[in-house]
Amino acid sequence: MHIYLNGEERNTDAASISELLVELGMEGRMIAIERNLEVVPKSTYSSAALAEGDRIEIVHMIGGG
């Protein structure tokens, strides 16, 4: 399936947001996800299905000081 991830075209076999995070090696991190201009609640990552052409933005938190 073809999606846009943080503005770049990407092919994926993931069927859901949670599967995409596993594919990207980002599961368990503190992140925020937007799909097609709508924030995806963390509690729905496993049920949030991906579709052809979806635009996904992932922002991860970085600590520092």
PDB file of N, CA and C in Angstrom:
ATOM      1  N   MET A   1       0.846  -1.167   0.000  1.00  0.00           N
ATOM      2  CA  MET A   1       0.000   0.000   0.000  1.00  0.00           C
ATOM      3  C   MET A   1       0.897   1.238   0.000  1.00  0.00           C
ATOM      4  N   HIS A   2       0.439   2.264  -0.635  1.00  0.00           N
ATOM      5  CA  HIS A   2       1.179   3.513  -0.776  1.00  0.00           C
ATOM      6  C   HIS A   2       0.595   4.560   0.171  1.00  0.00           C
ATOM      7  N   ILE A   3       1.433   5.103   1.067  1.00  0.00           N
ATOM      8  CA  ILE A   3       1.007   6.169   1.980  1.00  0.00           C
ATOM      9  C   ILE A   3       2.034   7.291   1.929  1.00  0.00           C
ATOM     10  N   TYR A   4       1.733   8.380   2.597  1.00  0.00           N
ATOM     11  CA  TYR A   4       2.691   9.468   2.775  1.00  0.00           C
ATOM     12  C   TYR A   4       3.013   9.522   4.255  1.00  0.00           C
ATOM     13  N   LEU A   5       4.278   9.405   4.595  1.00  0.00           N
ATOM     14  CA  LEU A   5       4.718   9.408   5.977  1.00  0.00           C
ATOM     15  C   LEU A   5       5.614  10.616   6.206  1.00  0.00           C
ATOM     16  N   ASN A   6       5.158  11.523   7.040  1.00  0.00           N
ATOM     17  CA  ASN A   6       5.882  12.768   7.300  1.00  0.00           C
ATOM     18  C   ASN A   6       6.277  13.466   5.998  1.00  0.00           C
ATOM     19  N   GLY A   7       5.337  13.481   5.065  1.00  0.00           N
ATOM     20  CA  GLY A   7       5.521  14.201   3.813  1.00  0.00           C
ATOM     21  C   GLY A   7       6.240  13.444   2.708  1.00  0.00           C
ATOM     22  N   GLU A   8       6.701  12.233   2.986  1.00  0.00           N
ATOM     23  CA  GLU A   8       7.418  11.453   1.977  1.00  0.00           C
ATOM     24  C   GLU A   8       6.626  10.211   1.591  1.00  0.00           C
ATOM     25  N   GLU A   9       6.666   9.877   0.314  1.00  0.00           N
ATOM     26  CA  GLU A   9       5.978   8.682  -0.164  1.00  0.00           C
ATOM     27  C   GLU A   9       6.637   7.437   0.422  1.00  0.00           C
ATOM     28  N   ARG A  10       5.806   6.457   0.773  1.00  0.00           N
ATOM     29  CA  ARG A  10       6.322   5.214   1.351  1.00  0.00           C
ATOM     30  C   ARG A  10       5.364   4.076   1.037  1.00  0.00           C
ATOM     31  N   ASN A  11       5.927   2.924   0.763  1.00  0.00           N
ATOM     32  CA  ASN A  11       5.133   1.708   0.602  1.00  0.00           C
ATOM     33  C   ASN A  11       5.172   0.940   1.911  1.00  0.00           C
ATOM     34  N   THR A  12       4.045   0.360   2.288  1.00  0.00           N
ATOM     35  CA  THR A  12       3.969  -0.394   3.534  1.00  0.00           C
ATOM     36  C   THR A  12       3.030  -1.580   3.387  1.00  0.00           C
ATOM     37  N   ASP A  13       3.269  -2.602   4.175  1.00  0.00           N
ATOM     38  CA  ASP A  13       2.361  -3.751   4.254  1.00  0.00           C
ATOM     39  C   ASP A  13       1.487  -3.647   5.494  1.00  0.00           C
ATOM     40  N   ALA A  14       1.705  -2.607   6.313  1.00  0.00           N
ATOM     41  CA  ALA A  14       0.953  -2.441   7.561  1.00  0.00           C
ATOM     42  C   ALA A  14      -0.517  -2.172   7.259  1.00  0.00           C
ATOM     43  N   ALA A  15      -1.380  -2.789   8.067  1.00  0.00           N
ATOM     44  CA  ALA A  15      -2.823  -2.605   7.904  1.00  0.00           C
ATOM     45  C   ALA A  15      -3.384  -1.614   8.916  1.00  0.00           C
ATOM     46  N   SER A  16      -2.600  -1.300   9.957  1.00  0.00           N
ATOM     47  CA  SER A  16      -3.079  -0.390  11.004  1.00  0.00           C
ATOM     48  C   SER A  16      -1.923   0.502  11.461  1.00  0.00           C
ATOM     49  N   ILE A  17      -2.269   1.500  12.245  1.00  0.00           N
ATOM     50  CA  ILE A  17      -1.251   2.392  12.801  1.00  0.00           C
ATOM     51  C   ILE A  17      -0.274   1.599  13.663  1.00  0.00           C
ATOM     52  N   SER A  18      -0.787   0.696  14.501  1.00  0.00           N
ATOM     53  CA  SER A  18       0.116  -0.070  15.371  1.00  0.00           C
ATOM     54  C   SER A  18       1.068  -0.945  14.558  1.00  0.00           C
ATOM     55  N   GLU A  19       0.599  -1.537  13.473  1.00  0.00           N
ATOM     56  CA  GLU A  19       1.472  -2.339  12.615  1.00  0.00           C
ATOM     57  C   GLU A  19       2.526  -1.455  11.943  1.00  0.00           C
ATOM     58  N   LEU A  20       2.148  -0.248  11.566  1.00  0.00           N
ATOM     59  CA  LEU A  20       3.107   0.684  10.973  1.00  0.00           C
ATOM     60  C   LEU A  20       4.200   1.037  11.979  1.00  0.00           C
ATOM     61  N   LEU A  21       3.816   1.264  13.227  1.00  0.00           N
ATOM     62  CA  LEU A  21       4.804   1.580  14.261  1.00  0.00           C
ATOM     63  C   LEU A  21       5.785   0.437  14.468  1.00  0.00           C
ATOM     64  N   VAL A  22       5.291  -0.803  14.438  1.00  0.00           N
ATOM     65  CA  VAL A  22       6.172  -1.970  14.549  1.00  0.00           C
ATOM     66  C   VAL A  22       7.124  -2.002  13.348  1.00  0.00           C
ATOM     67  N   GLU A  23       6.582  -1.787  12.157  1.00  0.00           N
ATOM     68  CA  GLU A  23       7.397  -1.784  10.937  1.00  0.00           C
ATOM     69  C   GLU A  23       8.509  -0.728  11.022  1.00  0.00           C
ATOM     70  N   LEU A  24       8.194   0.411  11.620  1.00  0.00           N
ATOM     71  CA  LEU A  24       9.156   1.504  11.733  1.00  0.00           C
ATOM     72  C   LEU A  24      10.068   1.371  12.952  1.00  0.00           C
ATOM     73  N   GLY A  25       9.792   0.392  13.818  1.00  0.00           N
ATOM     74  CA  GLY A  25      10.583   0.223  15.031  1.00  0.00           C
ATOM     75  C   GLY A  25      10.304   1.311  16.056  1.00  0.00           C
ATOM     76  N   MET A  26       9.080   1.846  16.045  1.00  0.00           N
ATOM     77  CA  MET A  26       8.729   2.950  16.937  1.00  0.00           C
ATOM     78  C   MET A  26       7.709   2.572  17.998  1.00  0.00           C
ATOM     79  N   GLU A  27       7.348   1.295  18.107  1.00  0.00           N
ATOM     80  CA  GLU A  27       6.361   0.901  19.107  1.00  0.00           C
ATOM     81  C   GLU A  27       6.931   1.160  20.500  1.00  0.00           C
ATOM     82  N   GLY A  28       6.065   1.600  21.398  1.00  0.00           N
ATOM     83  CA  GLY A  28       6.474   1.850  22.769  1.00  0.00           C
ATOM     84  C   GLY A  28       7.078   3.222  23.015  1.00  0.00           C
ATOM     85  N   ARG A  29       7.327   3.989  21.980  1.00  0.00           N
ATOM     86  CA  ARG A  29       7.886   5.328  22.166  1.00  0.00           C
ATOM     87  C   ARG A  29       6.783   6.336  22.453  1.00  0.00           C
ATOM     88  N   MET A  30       7.173   7.452  23.029  1.00  0.00           N
ATOM     89  CA  MET A  30       6.230   8.540  23.268  1.00  0.00           C
ATOM     90  C   MET A  30       6.092   9.327  21.959  1.00  0.00           C
ATOM     91  N   ILE A  31       4.961   9.140  21.294  1.00  0.00           N
ATOM     92  CA  ILE A  31       4.741   9.776  19.999  1.00  0.00           C
ATOM     93  C   ILE A  31       3.322  10.317  19.908  1.00  0.00           C
ATOM     94  N   ALA A  32       3.119  11.160  18.929  1.00  0.00           N
ATOM     95  CA  ALA A  32       1.785  11.635  18.563  1.00  0.00           C
ATOM     96  C   ALA A  32       1.622  11.349  17.077  1.00  0.00           C
ATOM     97  N   ILE A  33       0.424  10.904  16.689  1.00  0.00           N
ATOM     98  CA  ILE A  33       0.177  10.538  15.292  1.00  0.00           C
ATOM     99  C   ILE A  33      -1.047  11.267  14.774  1.00  0.00           C
ATOM    100  N   GLU A  34      -0.901  11.749  13.547  1.00  0.00           N
ATOM    101  CA  GLU A  34      -2.003  12.400  12.844  1.00  0.00           C
ATOM    102  C   GLU A  34      -2.226  11.625  11.546  1.00  0.00           C
ATOM    103  N   ARG A  35      -3.491  11.322  11.270  1.00  0.00           N
ATOM    104  CA  ARG A  35      -3.831  10.649  10.005  1.00  0.00           C
ATOM    105  C   ARG A  35      -4.832  11.524   9.269  1.00  0.00           C
ATOM    106  N   ASN A  36      -4.455  11.961   8.091  1.00  0.00           N
ATOM    107  CA  ASN A  36      -5.322  12.802   7.256  1.00  0.00           C
ATOM    108  C   ASN A  36      -5.867  14.002   8.043  1.00  0.00           C
ATOM    109  N   LEU A  37      -4.958  14.691   8.721  1.00  0.00           N
ATOM    110  CA  LEU A  37      -5.234  15.926   9.466  1.00  0.00           C
ATOM    111  C   LEU A  37      -6.033  15.731  10.749  1.00  0.00           C
ATOM    112  N   GLU A  38      -6.169  14.485  11.216  1.00  0.00           N
ATOM    113  CA  GLU A  38      -6.868  14.217  12.472  1.00  0.00           C
ATOM    114  C   GLU A  38      -5.951  13.437  13.405  1.00  0.00           C
ATOM    115  N   VAL A  39      -5.889  13.874  14.664  1.00  0.00           N
ATOM    116  CA  VAL A  39      -5.077  13.182  15.658  1.00  0.00           C
ATOM    117  C   VAL A  39      -5.680  11.808  15.927  1.00  0.00           C
ATOM    118  N   VAL A  40      -4.818  10.806  15.993  1.00  0.00           N
ATOM    119  CA  VAL A  40      -5.249   9.435  16.271  1.00  0.00           C
ATOM    120  C   VAL A  40      -4.971   9.145  17.751  1.00  0.00           C
ATOM    121  N   PRO A  41      -6.004   8.894  18.547  1.00  0.00           N
ATOM    122  CA  PRO A  41      -5.782   8.567  19.961  1.00  0.00           C
ATOM    123  C   PRO A  41      -4.981   7.270  20.100  1.00  0.00           C
ATOM    124  N   LYS A  42      -4.054   7.254  21.046  1.00  0.00           N
ATOM    125  CA  LYS A  42      -3.208   6.080  21.250  1.00  0.00           C
ATOM    126  C   LYS A  42      -4.038   4.818  21.484  1.00  0.00           C
ATOM    127  N   SER A  43      -5.163   4.958  22.141  1.00  0.00           N
ATOM    128  CA  SER A  43      -6.008   3.795  22.448  1.00  0.00           C
ATOM    129  C   SER A  43      -6.608   3.153  21.201  1.00  0.00           C
ATOM    130  N   THR A  44      -6.533   3.838  20.054  1.00  0.00           N
ATOM    131  CA  THR A  44      -7.113   3.295  18.814  1.00  0.00           C
ATOM    132  C   THR A  44      -6.065   2.892  17.780  1.00  0.00           C
ATOM    133  N   TYR A  45      -4.777   2.922  18.129  1.00  0.00           N
ATOM    134  CA  TYR A  45      -3.734   2.586  17.159  1.00  0.00           C
ATOM    135  C   TYR A  45      -3.959   1.228  16.510  1.00  0.00           C
ATOM    136  N   SER A  46      -4.362   0.221  17.281  1.00  0.00           N
ATOM    137  CA  SER A  46      -4.516  -1.123  16.706  1.00  0.00           C
ATOM    138  C   SER A  46      -5.752  -1.240  15.816  1.00  0.00           C
ATOM    139  N   SER A  47      -6.752  -0.402  16.049  1.00  0.00           N
ATOM    140  CA  SER A  47      -7.967  -0.473  15.234  1.00  0.00           C
ATOM    141  C   SER A  47      -8.011   0.602  14.142  1.00  0.00           C
ATOM    142  N   ALA A  48      -7.050   1.507  14.137  1.00  0.00           N
ATOM    143  CA  ALA A  48      -7.002   2.582  13.132  1.00  0.00           C
ATOM    144  C   ALA A  48      -6.403   2.036  11.841  1.00  0.00           C
ATOM    145  N   ALA A  49      -7.276   1.649  10.923  1.00  0.00           N
ATOM    146  CA  ALA A  49      -6.851   1.032   9.668  1.00  0.00           C
ATOM    147  C   ALA A  49      -6.215   2.061   8.737  1.00  0.00           C
ATOM    148  N   LEU A  50      -5.168   1.624   8.056  1.00  0.00           N
ATOM    149  CA  LEU A  50      -4.541   2.449   7.029  1.00  0.00           C
ATOM    150  C   LEU A  50      -5.217   2.191   5.692  1.00  0.00           C
ATOM    151  N   ALA A  51      -5.257   3.226   4.857  1.00  0.00           N
ATOM    152  CA  ALA A  51      -5.844   3.098   3.526  1.00  0.00           C
ATOM    153  C   ALA A  51      -4.891   3.710   2.503  1.00  0.00           C
ATOM    154  N   GLU A  52      -5.009   3.266   1.285  1.00  0.00           N
ATOM    155  CA  GLU A  52      -4.197   3.784   0.190  1.00  0.00           C
ATOM    156  C   GLU A  52      -4.243   5.309   0.174  1.00  0.00           C
ATOM    157  N   GLY A  53      -3.059   5.925   0.134  1.00  0.00           N
ATOM    158  CA  GLY A  53      -2.965   7.376   0.023  1.00  0.00           C
ATOM    159  C   GLY A  53      -3.071   8.142   1.331  1.00  0.00           C
ATOM    160  N   ASP A  54      -3.214   7.419   2.468  1.00  0.00           N
ATOM    161  CA  ASP A  54      -3.280   8.113   3.757  1.00  0.00           C
ATOM    162  C   ASP A  54      -2.053   8.986   3.955  1.00  0.00           C
ATOM    163  N   ARG A  55      -2.269  10.099   4.641  1.00  0.00           N
ATOM    164  CA  ARG A  55      -1.178  11.001   5.003  1.00  0.00           C
ATOM    165  C   ARG A  55      -0.993  10.896   6.512  1.00  0.00           C
ATOM    166  N   ILE A  56       0.147  10.323   6.895  1.00  0.00           N
ATOM    167  CA  ILE A  56       0.462  10.070   8.294  1.00  0.00           C
ATOM    168  C   ILE A  56       1.608  10.984   8.723  1.00  0.00           C
ATOM    169  N   GLU A  57       1.408  11.657   9.849  1.00  0.00           N
ATOM    170  CA  GLU A  57       2.464  12.467  10.444  1.00  0.00           C
ATOM    171  C   GLU A  57       2.754  11.877  11.813  1.00  0.00           C
ATOM    172  N   ILE A  58       4.020  11.594  12.087  1.00  0.00           N
ATOM    173  CA  ILE A  58       4.426  11.064  13.372  1.00  0.00           C
ATOM    174  C   ILE A  58       5.425  12.027  14.000  1.00  0.00           C
ATOM    175  N   VAL A  59       5.128  12.419  15.219  1.00  0.00           N
ATOM    176  CA  VAL A  59       6.013  13.302  15.975  1.00  0.00           C
ATOM    177  C   VAL A  59       6.431  12.535  17.221  1.00  0.00           C
ATOM    178  N   HIS A  60       7.735  12.417  17.451  1.00  0.00           N
ATOM    179  CA  HIS A  60       8.174  11.738  18.664  1.00  0.00           C
ATOM    180  C   HIS A  60       8.825  12.720  19.608  1.00  0.00           C
ATOM    181  N   MET A  61       8.638  12.442  20.886  1.00  0.00           N
ATOM    182  CA  MET A  61       9.130  13.330  21.926  1.00  0.00           C
ATOM    183  C   MET A  61      10.597  13.040  22.199  1.00  0.00           C
ATOM    184  N   ILE A  62      11.362  14.083  22.346  1.00  0.00           N
ATOM    185  CA  ILE A  62      12.793  13.939  22.664  1.00  0.00           C
ATOM    186  C   ILE A  62      13.068  14.730  23.939  1.00  0.00           C
ATOM    187  N   GLY A  63      13.639  14.059  24.911  1.00  0.00           N
ATOM    188  CA  GLY A  63      13.976  14.739  26.174  1.00  0.00           C
ATOM    189  C   GLY A  63      15.332  15.415  26.060  1.00  0.00           C
ATOM    190  N   GLY A  64      15.534  16.360  26.874  1.00  0.00           N
ATOM    191  CA  GLY A  64      16.819  17.042  26.880  1.00  0.00           C
ATOM    192  C   GLY A  64      16.821  18.127  27.931  1.00  0.00           C
ATOM    193  N   GLY A  65      17.884  18.828  27.981  1.00  0.00           N
ATOM    194  CA  GLY A  65      17.916  19.874  28.996  1.00  0.00           C
ATOM    195  C   GLY A  65      19.038  20.826  28.791  1.00  0.00           C
TER     196      GLY A  65
END
